[in-house]
Amino acid sequence: MAEKHDFQAELDTTGLYCPEPIMLMHNKVRDMQTGEVLKVVASDPATTRDVPKFCQFLGHELVHQQQQGDSYLYFIRLG
């Protein structure tokens, strides 16, 4: 069951594979403010490795991460 999280922007990268989801995340966070939350939906299993590294490298907080079937869901608070 999906948890309810507030978010200011959403990015659906379903059907895209590394490095496209991370490249799109880079573009999306440029338009956002510190403290805002980005919801990311992905289908690439590599995002389970890439998204935490993206957050760690750029100083963002991975608030929540879950897998639902073939879908991966991330909530990232911008640092």
PDB file of N, CA and C in Angstrom:
ATOM      1  N   MET A   1       0.840  -1.200   0.000  1.00  0.00           N
ATOM      2  CA  MET A   1       0.000   0.000   0.000  1.00  0.00           C
ATOM      3  C   MET A   1       0.875   1.251   0.000  1.00  0.00           C
ATOM      4  N   ALA A   2       0.549   2.163  -0.850  1.00  0.00           N
ATOM      5  CA  ALA A   2       1.358   3.379  -0.994  1.00  0.00           C
ATOM      6  C   ALA A   2       1.102   4.333   0.166  1.00  0.00           C
ATOM      7  N   GLU A   3       2.188   4.904   0.663  1.00  0.00           N
ATOM      8  CA  GLU A   3       2.055   5.917   1.703  1.00  0.00           C
ATOM      9  C   GLU A   3       1.722   7.247   1.063  1.00  0.00           C
ATOM     10  N   LYS A   4       1.063   8.101   1.833  1.00  0.00           N
ATOM     11  CA  LYS A   4       0.701   9.436   1.334  1.00  0.00           C
ATOM     12  C   LYS A   4       1.831  10.406   1.676  1.00  0.00           C
ATOM     13  N   HIS A   5       2.380  11.009   0.666  1.00  0.00           N
ATOM     14  CA  HIS A   5       3.428  12.010   0.854  1.00  0.00           C
ATOM     15  C   HIS A   5       3.029  13.265   0.088  1.00  0.00           C
ATOM     16  N   ASP A   6       3.313  14.412   0.677  1.00  0.00           N
ATOM     17  CA  ASP A   6       3.109  15.664  -0.043  1.00  0.00           C
ATOM     18  C   ASP A   6       4.296  15.879  -0.966  1.00  0.00           C
ATOM     19  N   PHE A   7       4.029  16.345  -2.173  1.00  0.00           N
ATOM     20  CA  PHE A   7       5.105  16.647  -3.105  1.00  0.00           C
ATOM     21  C   PHE A   7       4.690  17.819  -3.977  1.00  0.00           C
ATOM     22  N   GLN A   8       5.699  18.558  -4.446  1.00  0.00           N
ATOM     23  CA  GLN A   8       5.453  19.752  -5.242  1.00  0.00           C
ATOM     24  C   GLN A   8       5.617  19.491  -6.735  1.00  0.00           C
ATOM     25  N   ALA A   9       6.326  18.428  -7.088  1.00  0.00           N
ATOM     26  CA  ALA A   9       6.553  18.117  -8.502  1.00  0.00           C
ATOM     27  C   ALA A   9       6.614  16.608  -8.672  1.00  0.00           C
ATOM     28  N   GLU A  10       6.241  16.155  -9.862  1.00  0.00           N
ATOM     29  CA  GLU A  10       6.229  14.722 -10.150  1.00  0.00           C
ATOM     30  C   GLU A  10       6.944  14.467 -11.470  1.00  0.00           C
ATOM     31  N   LEU A  11       7.703  13.381 -11.503  1.00  0.00           N
ATOM     32  CA  LEU A  11       8.441  13.000 -12.697  1.00  0.00           C
ATOM     33  C   LEU A  11       8.203  11.522 -12.958  1.00  0.00           C
ATOM     34  N   ASP A  12       7.627  11.213 -14.110  1.00  0.00           N
ATOM     35  CA  ASP A  12       7.368   9.818 -14.488  1.00  0.00           C
ATOM     36  C   ASP A  12       8.399   9.403 -15.529  1.00  0.00           C
ATOM     37  N   THR A  13       9.301   8.489 -15.138  1.00  0.00           N
ATOM     38  CA  THR A  13      10.349   8.033 -16.053  1.00  0.00           C
ATOM     39  C   THR A  13      10.086   6.595 -16.496  1.00  0.00           C
ATOM     40  N   THR A  14       8.841   6.132 -16.370  1.00  0.00           N
ATOM     41  CA  THR A  14       8.480   4.774 -16.749  1.00  0.00           C
ATOM     42  C   THR A  14       8.875   4.508 -18.202  1.00  0.00           C
ATOM     43  N   GLY A  15       9.531   3.384 -18.429  1.00  0.00           N
ATOM     44  CA  GLY A  15       9.939   3.003 -19.776  1.00  0.00           C
ATOM     45  C   GLY A  15      11.317   3.512 -20.160  1.00  0.00           C
ATOM     46  N   LEU A  16      11.911   4.355 -19.328  1.00  0.00           N
ATOM     47  CA  LEU A  16      13.249   4.892 -19.604  1.00  0.00           C
ATOM     48  C   LEU A  16      14.293   4.128 -18.797  1.00  0.00           C
ATOM     49  N   TYR A  17      15.487   4.025 -19.341  1.00  0.00           N
ATOM     50  CA  TYR A  17      16.564   3.288 -18.692  1.00  0.00           C
ATOM     51  C   TYR A  17      17.779   4.179 -18.504  1.00  0.00           C
ATOM     52  N   CYS A  18      18.612   3.794 -17.540  1.00  0.00           N
ATOM     53  CA  CYS A  18      19.827   4.512 -17.202  1.00  0.00           C
ATOM     54  C   CYS A  18      20.557   4.904 -18.474  1.00  0.00           C
ATOM     55  N   PRO A  19      20.977   6.161 -18.607  1.00  0.00           N
ATOM     56  CA  PRO A  19      20.989   7.226 -17.592  1.00  0.00           C
ATOM     57  C   PRO A  19      19.812   8.194 -17.673  1.00  0.00           C
ATOM     58  N   GLU A  20      18.808   7.909 -18.505  1.00  0.00           N
ATOM     59  CA  GLU A  20      17.745   8.890 -18.735  1.00  0.00           C
ATOM     60  C   GLU A  20      16.988   9.322 -17.474  1.00  0.00           C
ATOM     61  N   PRO A  21      16.565   8.400 -16.578  1.00  0.00           N
ATOM     62  CA  PRO A  21      15.827   8.874 -15.391  1.00  0.00           C
ATOM     63  C   PRO A  21      16.617   9.889 -14.559  1.00  0.00           C
ATOM     64  N   ILE A  22      17.916   9.642 -14.384  1.00  0.00           N
ATOM     65  CA  ILE A  22      18.739  10.558 -13.575  1.00  0.00           C
ATOM     66  C   ILE A  22      18.933  11.888 -14.304  1.00  0.00           C
ATOM     67  N   MET A  23      19.107  11.838 -15.623  1.00  0.00           N
ATOM     68  CA  MET A  23      19.248  13.082 -16.392  1.00  0.00           C
ATOM     69  C   MET A  23      17.979  13.922 -16.271  1.00  0.00           C
ATOM     70  N   LEU A  24      16.812  13.282 -16.355  1.00  0.00           N
ATOM     71  CA  LEU A  24      15.555  14.007 -16.210  1.00  0.00           C
ATOM     72  C   LEU A  24      15.391  14.565 -14.797  1.00  0.00           C
ATOM     73  N   MET A  25      15.857  13.812 -13.792  1.00  0.00           N
ATOM     74  CA  MET A  25      15.804  14.304 -12.410  1.00  0.00           C
ATOM     75  C   MET A  25      16.668  15.550 -12.247  1.00  0.00           C
ATOM     76  N   HIS A  26      17.853  15.544 -12.840  1.00  0.00           N
ATOM     77  CA  HIS A  26      18.728  16.724 -12.790  1.00  0.00           C
ATOM     78  C   HIS A  26      18.006  17.939 -13.364  1.00  0.00           C
ATOM     79  N   ASN A  27      17.354  17.760 -14.509  1.00  0.00           N
ATOM     80  CA  ASN A  27      16.636  18.870 -15.143  1.00  0.00           C
ATOM     81  C   ASN A  27      15.469  19.343 -14.282  1.00  0.00           C
ATOM     82  N   LYS A  28      14.751  18.415 -13.671  1.00  0.00           N
ATOM     83  CA  LYS A  28      13.559  18.751 -12.886  1.00  0.00           C
ATOM     84  C   LYS A  28      13.936  19.537 -11.624  1.00  0.00           C
ATOM     85  N   VAL A  29      14.971  19.111 -10.905  1.00  0.00           N
ATOM     86  CA  VAL A  29      15.315  19.773  -9.640  1.00  0.00           C
ATOM     87  C   VAL A  29      15.842  21.194  -9.867  1.00  0.00           C
ATOM     88  N   ARG A  30      16.318  21.489 -11.082  1.00  0.00           N
ATOM     89  CA  ARG A  30      16.770  22.863 -11.387  1.00  0.00           C
ATOM     90  C   ARG A  30      15.637  23.875 -11.245  1.00  0.00           C
ATOM     91  N   ASP A  31      14.407  23.417 -11.503  1.00  0.00           N
ATOM     92  CA  ASP A  31      13.242  24.303 -11.454  1.00  0.00           C
ATOM     93  C   ASP A  31      12.558  24.315 -10.091  1.00  0.00           C
ATOM     94  N   MET A  32      13.156  23.625  -9.121  1.00  0.00           N
ATOM     95  CA  MET A  32      12.525  23.498  -7.802  1.00  0.00           C
ATOM     96  C   MET A  32      13.318  24.250  -6.744  1.00  0.00           C
ATOM     97  N   GLN A  33      12.671  24.458  -5.582  1.00  0.00           N
ATOM     98  CA  GLN A  33      13.286  25.179  -4.472  1.00  0.00           C
ATOM     99  C   GLN A  33      13.736  24.199  -3.380  1.00  0.00           C
ATOM    100  N   THR A  34      14.718  24.618  -2.595  1.00  0.00           N
ATOM    101  CA  THR A  34      15.172  23.832  -1.447  1.00  0.00           C
ATOM    102  C   THR A  34      13.989  23.519  -0.540  1.00  0.00           C
ATOM    103  N   GLY A  35      13.891  22.276  -0.098  1.00  0.00           N
ATOM    104  CA  GLY A  35      12.817  21.865   0.809  1.00  0.00           C
ATOM    105  C   GLY A  35      11.610  21.293   0.097  1.00  0.00           C
ATOM    106  N   GLU A  36      11.497  21.539  -1.218  1.00  0.00           N
ATOM    107  CA  GLU A  36      10.390  20.960  -1.971  1.00  0.00           C
ATOM    108  C   GLU A  36      10.641  19.472  -2.188  1.00  0.00           C
ATOM    109  N   VAL A  37       9.558  18.727  -2.424  1.00  0.00           N
ATOM    110  CA  VAL A  37       9.652  17.282  -2.599  1.00  0.00           C
ATOM    111  C   VAL A  37       9.292  16.910  -4.032  1.00  0.00           C
ATOM    112  N   LEU A  38      10.143  16.088  -4.623  1.00  0.00           N
ATOM    113  CA  LEU A  38       9.944  15.565  -5.970  1.00  0.00           C
ATOM    114  C   LEU A  38       9.542  14.101  -5.866  1.00  0.00           C
ATOM    115  N   LYS A  39       8.427  13.761  -6.497  1.00  0.00           N
ATOM    116  CA  LYS A  39       7.996  12.360  -6.593  1.00  0.00           C
ATOM    117  C   LYS A  39       8.492  11.820  -7.927  1.00  0.00           C
ATOM    118  N   VAL A  40       9.197  10.691  -7.880  1.00  0.00           N
ATOM    119  CA  VAL A  40       9.712  10.069  -9.098  1.00  0.00           C
ATOM    120  C   VAL A  40       9.136   8.665  -9.221  1.00  0.00           C
ATOM    121  N   VAL A  41       8.585   8.355 -10.394  1.00  0.00           N
ATOM    122  CA  VAL A  41       8.110   7.010 -10.704  1.00  0.00           C
ATOM    123  C   VAL A  41       9.030   6.459 -11.783  1.00  0.00           C
ATOM    124  N   ALA A  42       9.522   5.241 -11.585  1.00  0.00           N
ATOM    125  CA  ALA A  42      10.474   4.654 -12.526  1.00  0.00           C
ATOM    126  C   ALA A  42      10.165   3.175 -12.737  1.00  0.00           C
ATOM    127  N   SER A  43      10.647   2.643 -13.855  1.00  0.00           N
ATOM    128  CA  SER A  43      10.507   1.212 -14.120  1.00  0.00           C
ATOM    129  C   SER A  43      11.869   0.527 -14.223  1.00  0.00           C
ATOM    130  N   ASP A  44      12.940   1.307 -14.231  1.00  0.00           N
ATOM    131  CA  ASP A  44      14.293   0.766 -14.357  1.00  0.00           C
ATOM    132  C   ASP A  44      14.814   0.336 -12.984  1.00  0.00           C
ATOM    133  N   PRO A  45      15.099  -0.981 -12.799  1.00  0.00           N
ATOM    134  CA  PRO A  45      15.627  -1.442 -11.501  1.00  0.00           C
ATOM    135  C   PRO A  45      16.928  -0.750 -11.101  1.00  0.00           C
ATOM    136  N   ALA A  46      17.686  -0.228 -12.059  1.00  0.00           N
ATOM    137  CA  ALA A  46      18.944   0.470 -11.746  1.00  0.00           C
ATOM    138  C   ALA A  46      18.696   1.724 -10.909  1.00  0.00           C
ATOM    139  N   THR A  47      17.460   2.255 -10.921  1.00  0.00           N
ATOM    140  CA  THR A  47      17.180   3.449 -10.125  1.00  0.00           C
ATOM    141  C   THR A  47      17.311   3.169  -8.633  1.00  0.00           C
ATOM    142  N   THR A  48      17.173   1.908  -8.212  1.00  0.00           N
ATOM    143  CA  THR A  48      17.329   1.591  -6.783  1.00  0.00           C
ATOM    144  C   THR A  48      18.757   1.858  -6.324  1.00  0.00           C
ATOM    145  N   ARG A  49      19.692   1.839  -7.249  1.00  0.00           N
ATOM    146  CA  ARG A  49      21.089   2.184  -6.955  1.00  0.00           C
ATOM    147  C   ARG A  49      21.347   3.651  -7.269  1.00  0.00           C
ATOM    148  N   ASP A  50      20.820   4.118  -8.416  1.00  0.00           N
ATOM    149  CA  ASP A  50      21.153   5.452  -8.919  1.00  0.00           C
ATOM    150  C   ASP A  50      20.500   6.588  -8.134  1.00  0.00           C
ATOM    151  N   VAL A  51      19.250   6.421  -7.722  1.00  0.00           N
ATOM    152  CA  VAL A  51      18.544   7.504  -7.025  1.00  0.00           C
ATOM    153  C   VAL A  51      19.188   7.817  -5.669  1.00  0.00           C
ATOM    154  N   PRO A  52      19.481   6.801  -4.825  1.00  0.00           N
ATOM    155  CA  PRO A  52      20.178   7.131  -3.567  1.00  0.00           C
ATOM    156  C   PRO A  52      21.528   7.808  -3.793  1.00  0.00           C
ATOM    157  N   LYS A  53      22.276   7.377  -4.827  1.00  0.00           N
ATOM    158  CA  LYS A  53      23.562   8.017  -5.133  1.00  0.00           C
ATOM    159  C   LYS A  53      23.363   9.454  -5.595  1.00  0.00           C
ATOM    160  N   PHE A  54      22.330   9.684  -6.409  1.00  0.00           N
ATOM    161  CA  PHE A  54      21.971  11.035  -6.868  1.00  0.00           C
ATOM    162  C   PHE A  54      21.730  11.938  -5.656  1.00  0.00           C
ATOM    163  N   CYS A  55      20.941  11.437  -4.694  1.00  0.00           N
ATOM    164  CA  CYS A  55      20.617  12.222  -3.495  1.00  0.00           C
ATOM    165  C   CYS A  55      21.858  12.495  -2.660  1.00  0.00           C
ATOM    166  N   GLN A  56      22.649  11.461  -2.436  1.00  0.00           N
ATOM    167  CA  GLN A  56      23.854  11.594  -1.617  1.00  0.00           C
ATOM    168  C   GLN A  56      24.829  12.586  -2.251  1.00  0.00           C
ATOM    169  N   PHE A  57      25.016  12.481  -3.552  1.00  0.00           N
ATOM    170  CA  PHE A  57      25.978  13.324  -4.265  1.00  0.00           C
ATOM    171  C   PHE A  57      25.550  14.784  -4.265  1.00  0.00           C
ATOM    172  N   LEU A  58      24.236  15.037  -4.385  1.00  0.00           N
ATOM    173  CA  LEU A  58      23.747  16.407  -4.512  1.00  0.00           C
ATOM    174  C   LEU A  58      23.183  16.981  -3.210  1.00  0.00           C
ATOM    175  N   GLY A  59      23.205  16.193  -2.138  1.00  0.00           N
ATOM    176  CA  GLY A  59      22.765  16.705  -0.847  1.00  0.00           C
ATOM    177  C   GLY A  59      21.258  16.747  -0.669  1.00  0.00           C
ATOM    178  N   HIS A  60      20.530  15.908  -1.410  1.00  0.00           N
ATOM    179  CA  HIS A  60      19.081  15.812  -1.248  1.00  0.00           C
ATOM    180  C   HIS A  60      18.756  14.672  -0.291  1.00  0.00           C
ATOM    181  N   GLU A  61      17.534  14.689   0.252  1.00  0.00           N
ATOM    182  CA  GLU A  61      17.112  13.652   1.198  1.00  0.00           C
ATOM    183  C   GLU A  61      16.144  12.701   0.496  1.00  0.00           C
ATOM    184  N   LEU A  62      16.479  11.419   0.513  1.00  0.00           N
ATOM    185  CA  LEU A  62      15.565  10.400  -0.002  1.00  0.00           C
ATOM    186  C   LEU A  62      14.576  10.086   1.111  1.00  0.00           C
ATOM    187  N   VAL A  63      13.404  10.718   1.040  1.00  0.00           N
ATOM    188  CA  VAL A  63      12.411  10.636   2.109  1.00  0.00           C
ATOM    189  C   VAL A  63      11.758   9.258   2.149  1.00  0.00           C
ATOM    190  N   HIS A  64      11.464   8.719   0.968  1.00  0.00           N
ATOM    191  CA  HIS A  64      10.764   7.440   0.896  1.00  0.00           C
ATOM    192  C   HIS A  64      11.093   6.757  -0.418  1.00  0.00           C
ATOM    193  N   GLN A  65      11.182   5.420  -0.353  1.00  0.00           N
ATOM    194  CA  GLN A  65      11.481   4.618  -1.537  1.00  0.00           C
ATOM    195  C   GLN A  65      10.709   3.322  -1.411  1.00  0.00           C
ATOM    196  N   GLN A  66      10.017   2.913  -2.474  1.00  0.00           N
ATOM    197  CA  GLN A  66       9.314   1.633  -2.418  1.00  0.00           C
ATOM    198  C   GLN A  66       9.161   1.049  -3.811  1.00  0.00           C
ATOM    199  N   GLN A  67       8.967  -0.255  -3.840  1.00  0.00           N
ATOM    200  CA  GLN A  67       8.730  -0.956  -5.093  1.00  0.00           C
ATOM    201  C   GLN A  67       7.299  -1.470  -5.089  1.00  0.00           C
ATOM    202  N   GLN A  68       6.595  -1.239  -6.201  1.00  0.00           N
ATOM    203  CA  GLN A  68       5.240  -1.748  -6.376  1.00  0.00           C
ATOM    204  C   GLN A  68       5.222  -2.521  -7.684  1.00  0.00           C
ATOM    205  N   GLY A  69       5.324  -3.838  -7.618  1.00  0.00           N
ATOM    206  CA  GLY A  69       5.390  -4.634  -8.837  1.00  0.00           C
ATOM    207  C   GLY A  69       6.627  -4.269  -9.637  1.00  0.00           C
ATOM    208  N   ASP A  70       6.421  -3.843 -10.884  1.00  0.00           N
ATOM    209  CA  ASP A  70       7.535  -3.449 -11.751  1.00  0.00           C
ATOM    210  C   ASP A  70       7.820  -1.961 -11.678  1.00  0.00           C
ATOM    211  N   SER A  71       7.213  -1.289 -10.721  1.00  0.00           N
ATOM    212  CA  SER A  71       7.338   0.162 -10.600  1.00  0.00           C
ATOM    213  C   SER A  71       8.104   0.521  -9.329  1.00  0.00           C
ATOM    214  N   TYR A  72       8.903   1.563  -9.421  1.00  0.00           N
ATOM    215  CA  TYR A  72       9.678   2.069  -8.281  1.00  0.00           C
ATOM    216  C   TYR A  72       9.236   3.495  -8.008  1.00  0.00           C
ATOM    217  N   LEU A  73       9.064   3.802  -6.735  1.00  0.00           N
ATOM    218  CA  LEU A  73       8.552   5.098  -6.326  1.00  0.00           C
ATOM    219  C   LEU A  73       9.543   5.734  -5.356  1.00  0.00           C
ATOM    220  N   TYR A  74       9.869   7.009  -5.599  1.00  0.00           N
ATOM    221  CA  TYR A  74      10.822   7.742  -4.766  1.00  0.00           C
ATOM    222  C   TYR A  74      10.240   9.115  -4.426  1.00  0.00           C
ATOM    223  N   PHE A  75      10.483   9.540  -3.182  1.00  0.00           N
ATOM    224  CA  PHE A  75      10.173  10.912  -2.779  1.00  0.00           C
ATOM    225  C   PHE A  75      11.474  11.534  -2.300  1.00  0.00           C
ATOM    226  N   ILE A  76      11.854  12.628  -2.948  1.00  0.00           N
ATOM    227  CA  ILE A  76      13.156  13.266  -2.702  1.00  0.00           C
ATOM    228  C   ILE A  76      12.934  14.700  -2.261  1.00  0.00           C
ATOM    229  N   ARG A  77      13.432  15.044  -1.060  1.00  0.00           N
ATOM    230  CA  ARG A  77      13.366  16.438  -0.580  1.00  0.00           C
ATOM    231  C   ARG A  77      14.659  17.134  -0.949  1.00  0.00           C
ATOM    232  N   LEU A  78      14.528  18.248  -1.649  1.00  0.00           N
ATOM    233  CA  LEU A  78      15.701  18.961  -2.120  1.00  0.00           C
ATOM    234  C   LEU A  78      16.451  19.619  -0.980  1.00  0.00           C
ATOM    235  N   GLY A  79      17.771  19.428  -0.995  1.00  0.00           N
ATOM    236  CA  GLY A  79      18.634  19.988   0.030  1.00  0.00           C
ATOM    237  C   GLY A  79      19.212  21.316  -0.408  1.00  0.00           C
TER     238      GLY A  79
END
